[in-house]
Amino acid sequence: MTTKTLLCNLCPNCCALTVTLEGDAVTGCTGNLCTQGADFARQELTMPLRNVTTSVAVSGGFYPLCSVRLSAPIPLSRLTEAVDLLHSLTVTAPVAMGQVLLEDLLGLGVQVLSTRSVPALRFCKD
């Protein structure tokens, strides 16, 4: 039996959790002030997930970048791979806020969504 300590970040309480493990299985959790704490500890110690917010390049846009987020968290073990792919991605303007820019990130069933609109750059004639 082993114990680990974690800080839960799911609510404003930011509880210090003490988690008991038997092998890889969570057998107990103390220190949580809400029911989400035990769920957080179980998830964090068995298959940690992270959400990603970043930006992607825009071709022909009024702005050179568009901020994006994922539709759901992804496994922590795939985080670097996902961010590398997003930083190599270039989308073409115009981009609408909420537009799906990538349907299935790394085969994880997660969408990449724009969080701002980027109009196409227009040139004026003299």
N, C-alpha and C. Protein backbone atom coordinates (compact mmCIF):
# COMPACT_ATOMS: atom_id res chain seq x y z
N MET A 1 0.85 -1.18 0.00
CA MET A 1 0.00 0.00 0.00
C MET A 1 0.89 1.24 0.00
N THR A 2 0.54 2.20 -0.86
CA THR A 2 1.27 3.46 -0.93
C THR A 2 0.29 4.62 -0.83
N THR A 3 0.82 5.77 -0.46
CA THR A 3 -0.01 6.97 -0.42
C THR A 3 0.65 8.06 -1.27
N LYS A 4 -0.22 8.88 -1.87
CA LYS A 4 0.24 10.02 -2.66
C LYS A 4 -0.57 11.23 -2.24
N THR A 5 0.04 12.40 -2.37
CA THR A 5 -0.69 13.63 -2.08
C THR A 5 -0.86 14.41 -3.38
N LEU A 6 -2.04 14.99 -3.53
CA LEU A 6 -2.39 15.77 -4.71
C LEU A 6 -3.12 17.02 -4.29
N LEU A 7 -3.07 18.04 -5.12
CA LEU A 7 -3.92 19.21 -4.94
C LEU A 7 -5.02 19.13 -5.99
N CYS A 8 -6.25 19.10 -5.55
CA CYS A 8 -7.38 19.06 -6.47
C CYS A 8 -7.63 20.47 -6.99
N ASN A 9 -7.87 20.58 -8.31
CA ASN A 9 -8.09 21.91 -8.89
C ASN A 9 -9.46 22.02 -9.56
N LEU A 10 -10.39 21.17 -9.17
CA LEU A 10 -11.71 21.18 -9.81
C LEU A 10 -12.65 22.25 -9.27
N CYS A 11 -12.45 22.70 -8.08
CA CYS A 11 -13.32 23.75 -7.54
C CYS A 11 -12.45 24.74 -6.75
N PRO A 12 -13.03 25.81 -6.28
CA PRO A 12 -12.24 26.83 -5.56
C PRO A 12 -11.65 26.37 -4.23
N ASN A 13 -12.09 25.24 -3.69
CA ASN A 13 -11.55 24.77 -2.41
C ASN A 13 -10.07 24.39 -2.50
N CYS A 14 -9.64 23.90 -3.66
CA CYS A 14 -8.24 23.49 -3.89
C CYS A 14 -7.75 22.58 -2.75
N CYS A 15 -8.45 21.48 -2.56
CA CYS A 15 -8.18 20.57 -1.44
C CYS A 15 -6.87 19.83 -1.59
N ALA A 16 -6.20 19.62 -0.45
CA ALA A 16 -5.02 18.77 -0.40
C ALA A 16 -5.51 17.35 -0.15
N LEU A 17 -5.34 16.48 -1.14
CA LEU A 17 -5.86 15.11 -1.06
C LEU A 17 -4.75 14.15 -0.68
N THR A 18 -5.09 13.17 0.15
CA THR A 18 -4.21 12.06 0.44
C THR A 18 -4.88 10.82 -0.14
N VAL A 19 -4.21 10.18 -1.08
CA VAL A 19 -4.78 9.07 -1.81
C VAL A 19 -4.03 7.79 -1.47
N THR A 20 -4.77 6.73 -1.18
CA THR A 20 -4.20 5.42 -0.88
C THR A 20 -4.33 4.54 -2.11
N LEU A 21 -3.23 3.85 -2.44
CA LEU A 21 -3.20 2.98 -3.62
C LEU A 21 -2.78 1.57 -3.23
N GLU A 22 -3.45 0.61 -3.86
CA GLU A 22 -3.03 -0.80 -3.79
C GLU A 22 -2.61 -1.15 -5.20
N GLY A 23 -1.31 -1.19 -5.45
CA GLY A 23 -0.83 -1.36 -6.82
C GLY A 23 -1.18 -0.12 -7.61
N ASP A 24 -1.97 -0.28 -8.70
CA ASP A 24 -2.41 0.85 -9.50
C ASP A 24 -3.84 1.28 -9.17
N ALA A 25 -4.49 0.59 -8.26
CA ALA A 25 -5.89 0.88 -7.94
C ALA A 25 -5.99 1.84 -6.75
N VAL A 26 -6.83 2.86 -6.90
CA VAL A 26 -7.09 3.81 -5.82
C VAL A 26 -8.07 3.15 -4.85
N THR A 27 -7.66 3.04 -3.58
CA THR A 27 -8.51 2.39 -2.57
C THR A 27 -9.08 3.36 -1.56
N GLY A 28 -8.57 4.59 -1.51
CA GLY A 28 -9.10 5.56 -0.58
C GLY A 28 -8.62 6.96 -0.90
N CYS A 29 -9.42 7.93 -0.45
CA CYS A 29 -9.08 9.33 -0.67
C CYS A 29 -9.61 10.14 0.50
N THR A 30 -8.76 10.95 1.10
CA THR A 30 -9.18 11.82 2.20
C THR A 30 -8.73 13.24 1.90
N GLY A 31 -9.36 14.20 2.58
CA GLY A 31 -9.00 15.60 2.43
C GLY A 31 -9.89 16.37 1.49
N ASN A 32 -10.75 15.66 0.76
CA ASN A 32 -11.63 16.35 -0.19
C ASN A 32 -12.85 16.91 0.51
N LEU A 33 -13.16 18.17 0.22
CA LEU A 33 -14.32 18.82 0.81
C LEU A 33 -15.57 18.68 -0.04
N CYS A 34 -15.41 18.20 -1.28
CA CYS A 34 -16.57 17.94 -2.13
C CYS A 34 -16.40 16.57 -2.77
N THR A 35 -17.46 16.08 -3.37
CA THR A 35 -17.43 14.74 -3.95
C THR A 35 -16.54 14.66 -5.19
N GLN A 36 -16.25 15.78 -5.82
CA GLN A 36 -15.43 15.77 -7.02
C GLN A 36 -13.96 15.42 -6.73
N GLY A 37 -13.51 15.65 -5.51
CA GLY A 37 -12.12 15.42 -5.16
C GLY A 37 -11.69 13.98 -5.35
N ALA A 38 -12.48 13.05 -4.89
CA ALA A 38 -12.14 11.63 -5.03
C ALA A 38 -12.12 11.23 -6.50
N ASP A 39 -13.07 11.74 -7.27
CA ASP A 39 -13.09 11.45 -8.72
C ASP A 39 -11.86 12.02 -9.40
N PHE A 40 -11.48 13.25 -9.02
CA PHE A 40 -10.29 13.88 -9.58
C PHE A 40 -9.06 13.03 -9.28
N ALA A 41 -8.89 12.59 -8.04
CA ALA A 41 -7.73 11.80 -7.64
C ALA A 41 -7.67 10.50 -8.43
N ARG A 42 -8.79 9.82 -8.56
CA ARG A 42 -8.84 8.56 -9.30
C ARG A 42 -8.42 8.79 -10.77
N GLN A 43 -8.98 9.82 -11.38
CA GLN A 43 -8.66 10.13 -12.78
C GLN A 43 -7.19 10.52 -12.94
N GLU A 44 -6.71 11.35 -12.05
CA GLU A 44 -5.34 11.86 -12.14
C GLU A 44 -4.30 10.76 -11.96
N LEU A 45 -4.60 9.77 -11.15
CA LEU A 45 -3.62 8.71 -10.89
C LEU A 45 -3.75 7.52 -11.82
N THR A 46 -4.88 7.36 -12.49
CA THR A 46 -5.04 6.22 -13.38
C THR A 46 -4.87 6.61 -14.85
N MET A 47 -5.46 7.72 -15.27
CA MET A 47 -5.32 8.20 -16.65
C MET A 47 -5.50 9.71 -16.67
N PRO A 48 -4.42 10.45 -16.39
CA PRO A 48 -4.54 11.90 -16.32
C PRO A 48 -4.91 12.51 -17.67
N LEU A 49 -5.81 13.48 -17.63
CA LEU A 49 -6.27 14.18 -18.83
C LEU A 49 -5.94 15.65 -18.71
N ARG A 50 -5.73 16.29 -19.86
CA ARG A 50 -5.47 17.72 -19.89
C ARG A 50 -6.23 18.35 -21.06
N ASN A 51 -6.67 19.57 -20.88
CA ASN A 51 -7.27 20.31 -21.97
C ASN A 51 -6.19 21.21 -22.55
N VAL A 52 -6.35 21.60 -23.79
CA VAL A 52 -5.35 22.41 -24.48
C VAL A 52 -6.01 23.66 -25.02
N THR A 53 -5.38 24.79 -24.77
CA THR A 53 -5.71 26.03 -25.44
C THR A 53 -4.41 26.58 -25.99
N THR A 54 -4.43 26.96 -27.25
CA THR A 54 -3.23 27.49 -27.89
C THR A 54 -3.67 28.32 -29.09
N SER A 55 -2.81 28.52 -30.04
CA SER A 55 -3.19 29.24 -31.25
C SER A 55 -2.61 28.52 -32.46
N VAL A 56 -3.25 28.75 -33.61
CA VAL A 56 -2.79 28.19 -34.87
C VAL A 56 -2.59 29.34 -35.86
N ALA A 57 -1.73 29.11 -36.83
CA ALA A 57 -1.45 30.13 -37.85
C ALA A 57 -2.65 30.27 -38.79
N VAL A 58 -2.85 31.50 -39.28
CA VAL A 58 -3.92 31.78 -40.23
C VAL A 58 -3.31 32.36 -41.49
N SER A 59 -3.67 31.76 -42.61
CA SER A 59 -3.21 32.25 -43.91
C SER A 59 -4.27 33.19 -44.49
N GLY A 60 -3.85 34.38 -44.91
CA GLY A 60 -4.77 35.33 -45.53
C GLY A 60 -5.74 35.97 -44.58
N GLY A 61 -5.40 35.99 -43.30
CA GLY A 61 -6.30 36.54 -42.30
C GLY A 61 -5.90 37.94 -41.84
N PHE A 62 -6.88 38.66 -41.29
CA PHE A 62 -6.62 39.98 -40.72
C PHE A 62 -5.67 39.86 -39.54
N TYR A 63 -5.74 38.72 -38.83
CA TYR A 63 -4.81 38.41 -37.74
C TYR A 63 -3.96 37.23 -38.17
N PRO A 64 -2.71 37.16 -37.74
CA PRO A 64 -1.85 36.05 -38.15
C PRO A 64 -2.12 34.75 -37.39
N LEU A 65 -2.82 34.86 -36.25
CA LEU A 65 -3.09 33.68 -35.43
C LEU A 65 -4.56 33.63 -35.04
N CYS A 66 -5.01 32.42 -34.74
CA CYS A 66 -6.37 32.22 -34.23
C CYS A 66 -6.27 31.36 -32.98
N SER A 67 -6.87 31.80 -31.90
CA SER A 67 -6.86 31.00 -30.67
C SER A 67 -7.80 29.82 -30.84
N VAL A 68 -7.39 28.69 -30.25
CA VAL A 68 -8.17 27.45 -30.35
C VAL A 68 -8.22 26.74 -29.01
N ARG A 69 -9.20 25.86 -28.90
CA ARG A 69 -9.32 24.97 -27.73
C ARG A 69 -9.78 23.62 -28.23
N LEU A 70 -9.70 22.63 -27.35
CA LEU A 70 -10.18 21.29 -27.69
C LEU A 70 -11.60 21.11 -27.17
N SER A 71 -12.35 20.23 -27.83
CA SER A 71 -13.73 19.97 -27.41
C SER A 71 -13.79 19.10 -26.16
N ALA A 72 -12.68 18.44 -25.82
CA ALA A 72 -12.62 17.59 -24.63
C ALA A 72 -11.15 17.41 -24.23
N PRO A 73 -10.89 17.06 -22.99
CA PRO A 73 -9.51 16.81 -22.57
C PRO A 73 -8.94 15.58 -23.28
N ILE A 74 -7.61 15.54 -23.38
CA ILE A 74 -6.92 14.41 -23.99
C ILE A 74 -5.96 13.80 -22.97
N PRO A 75 -5.51 12.56 -23.20
CA PRO A 75 -4.55 11.96 -22.27
C PRO A 75 -3.27 12.78 -22.17
N LEU A 76 -2.78 12.94 -20.97
CA LEU A 76 -1.56 13.70 -20.72
C LEU A 76 -0.39 13.16 -21.54
N SER A 77 -0.36 11.86 -21.76
CA SER A 77 0.73 11.24 -22.50
C SER A 77 0.77 11.68 -23.97
N ARG A 78 -0.34 12.24 -24.49
CA ARG A 78 -0.40 12.69 -25.89
C ARG A 78 -0.33 14.21 -26.01
N LEU A 79 -0.14 14.92 -24.90
CA LEU A 79 -0.18 16.38 -24.88
C LEU A 79 0.88 17.01 -25.79
N THR A 80 2.12 16.61 -25.68
CA THR A 80 3.19 17.20 -26.48
C THR A 80 2.95 16.95 -27.97
N GLU A 81 2.54 15.75 -28.31
CA GLU A 81 2.25 15.41 -29.70
C GLU A 81 1.12 16.29 -30.25
N ALA A 82 0.09 16.51 -29.43
CA ALA A 82 -1.04 17.34 -29.86
C ALA A 82 -0.62 18.79 -30.07
N VAL A 83 0.13 19.34 -29.14
CA VAL A 83 0.56 20.73 -29.25
C VAL A 83 1.50 20.91 -30.44
N ASP A 84 2.38 19.96 -30.67
CA ASP A 84 3.27 20.03 -31.84
C ASP A 84 2.45 20.05 -33.12
N LEU A 85 1.44 19.21 -33.21
CA LEU A 85 0.59 19.19 -34.40
C LEU A 85 -0.16 20.50 -34.56
N LEU A 86 -0.70 21.03 -33.48
CA LEU A 86 -1.45 22.30 -33.55
C LEU A 86 -0.54 23.45 -33.97
N HIS A 87 0.69 23.46 -33.50
CA HIS A 87 1.61 24.54 -33.85
C HIS A 87 2.09 24.44 -35.30
N SER A 88 1.94 23.27 -35.92
CA SER A 88 2.30 23.12 -37.33
C SER A 88 1.10 23.35 -38.25
N LEU A 89 -0.08 23.51 -37.68
CA LEU A 89 -1.32 23.66 -38.45
C LEU A 89 -1.49 25.10 -38.92
N THR A 90 -1.89 25.28 -40.19
CA THR A 90 -2.24 26.58 -40.74
C THR A 90 -3.63 26.48 -41.34
N VAL A 91 -4.51 27.39 -40.94
CA VAL A 91 -5.87 27.42 -41.49
C VAL A 91 -6.00 28.65 -42.39
N THR A 92 -6.99 28.62 -43.28
CA THR A 92 -7.20 29.71 -44.22
C THR A 92 -8.38 30.56 -43.77
N ALA A 93 -8.18 31.87 -43.78
CA ALA A 93 -9.24 32.82 -43.41
C ALA A 93 -10.29 32.84 -44.52
N PRO A 94 -11.53 33.14 -44.20
CA PRO A 94 -12.03 33.56 -42.89
C PRO A 94 -12.27 32.36 -41.96
N VAL A 95 -12.16 32.63 -40.67
CA VAL A 95 -12.41 31.63 -39.63
C VAL A 95 -13.50 32.19 -38.73
N ALA A 96 -14.53 31.39 -38.46
CA ALA A 96 -15.62 31.81 -37.58
C ALA A 96 -15.38 31.27 -36.17
N MET A 97 -15.75 32.05 -35.16
CA MET A 97 -15.64 31.58 -33.79
C MET A 97 -16.50 30.33 -33.63
N GLY A 98 -15.93 29.30 -33.02
CA GLY A 98 -16.63 28.04 -32.83
C GLY A 98 -16.50 27.07 -33.99
N GLN A 99 -15.83 27.49 -35.05
CA GLN A 99 -15.64 26.63 -36.22
C GLN A 99 -14.74 25.45 -35.87
N VAL A 100 -15.09 24.27 -36.38
CA VAL A 100 -14.24 23.10 -36.20
C VAL A 100 -13.09 23.20 -37.20
N LEU A 101 -11.88 23.32 -36.70
CA LEU A 101 -10.70 23.46 -37.55
C LEU A 101 -10.04 22.13 -37.83
N LEU A 102 -10.21 21.19 -36.93
CA LEU A 102 -9.69 19.83 -37.11
C LEU A 102 -10.68 18.89 -36.45
N GLU A 103 -11.17 17.94 -37.20
CA GLU A 103 -12.27 17.08 -36.74
C GLU A 103 -11.83 16.04 -35.71
N ASP A 104 -10.69 15.41 -35.91
CA ASP A 104 -10.30 14.27 -35.06
C ASP A 104 -8.81 14.36 -34.73
N LEU A 105 -8.50 15.09 -33.68
CA LEU A 105 -7.10 15.31 -33.28
C LEU A 105 -6.45 13.99 -32.87
N LEU A 106 -5.42 13.59 -33.57
CA LEU A 106 -4.62 12.40 -33.26
C LEU A 106 -5.44 11.12 -33.13
N GLY A 107 -6.59 11.07 -33.78
CA GLY A 107 -7.44 9.89 -33.68
C GLY A 107 -8.10 9.71 -32.32
N LEU A 108 -8.15 10.78 -31.54
CA LEU A 108 -8.71 10.71 -30.18
C LEU A 108 -10.20 11.07 -30.14
N GLY A 109 -10.78 11.42 -31.28
CA GLY A 109 -12.20 11.80 -31.31
C GLY A 109 -12.46 13.18 -30.74
N VAL A 110 -11.43 14.02 -30.68
CA VAL A 110 -11.54 15.35 -30.10
C VAL A 110 -11.41 16.38 -31.23
N GLN A 111 -12.29 17.38 -31.21
CA GLN A 111 -12.26 18.42 -32.22
C GLN A 111 -11.40 19.60 -31.75
N VAL A 112 -10.80 20.29 -32.72
CA VAL A 112 -10.10 21.55 -32.46
C VAL A 112 -11.04 22.66 -32.90
N LEU A 113 -11.40 23.55 -31.96
CA LEU A 113 -12.38 24.60 -32.20
C LEU A 113 -11.73 25.98 -32.10
N SER A 114 -12.11 26.88 -33.01
CA SER A 114 -11.62 28.25 -32.93
C SER A 114 -12.36 28.98 -31.81
N THR A 115 -11.66 29.87 -31.14
CA THR A 115 -12.29 30.63 -30.05
C THR A 115 -12.39 32.12 -30.39
N ARG A 116 -12.10 32.46 -31.66
CA ARG A 116 -12.28 33.83 -32.13
C ARG A 116 -12.49 33.79 -33.63
N SER A 117 -13.10 34.82 -34.13
CA SER A 117 -13.27 34.96 -35.57
C SER A 117 -12.05 35.69 -36.15
N VAL A 118 -11.63 35.26 -37.32
CA VAL A 118 -10.55 35.92 -38.03
C VAL A 118 -11.05 36.20 -39.45
N PRO A 119 -11.35 37.48 -39.74
CA PRO A 119 -11.81 37.80 -41.09
C PRO A 119 -10.66 37.70 -42.10
N ALA A 120 -11.04 37.50 -43.36
CA ALA A 120 -10.04 37.48 -44.42
C ALA A 120 -9.50 38.89 -44.61
N LEU A 121 -8.25 38.98 -44.94
CA LEU A 121 -7.61 40.27 -45.20
C LEU A 121 -8.07 40.74 -46.58
N ARG A 122 -8.57 41.95 -46.63
CA ARG A 122 -9.06 42.51 -47.90
C ARG A 122 -8.17 43.65 -48.31
N PHE A 123 -7.88 43.70 -49.60
CA PHE A 123 -7.03 44.76 -50.13
C PHE A 123 -7.93 45.77 -50.84
N CYS A 124 -7.65 47.04 -50.66
CA CYS A 124 -8.42 48.11 -51.31
C CYS A 124 -7.70 48.56 -52.56
N LYS A 125 -8.50 48.88 -53.61
CA LYS A 125 -7.91 49.41 -54.84
C LYS A 125 -7.90 50.92 -54.74
N ASP A 126 -6.85 51.54 -55.29
CA ASP A 126 -6.77 53.02 -55.27
C ASP A 126 -7.69 53.61 -56.29
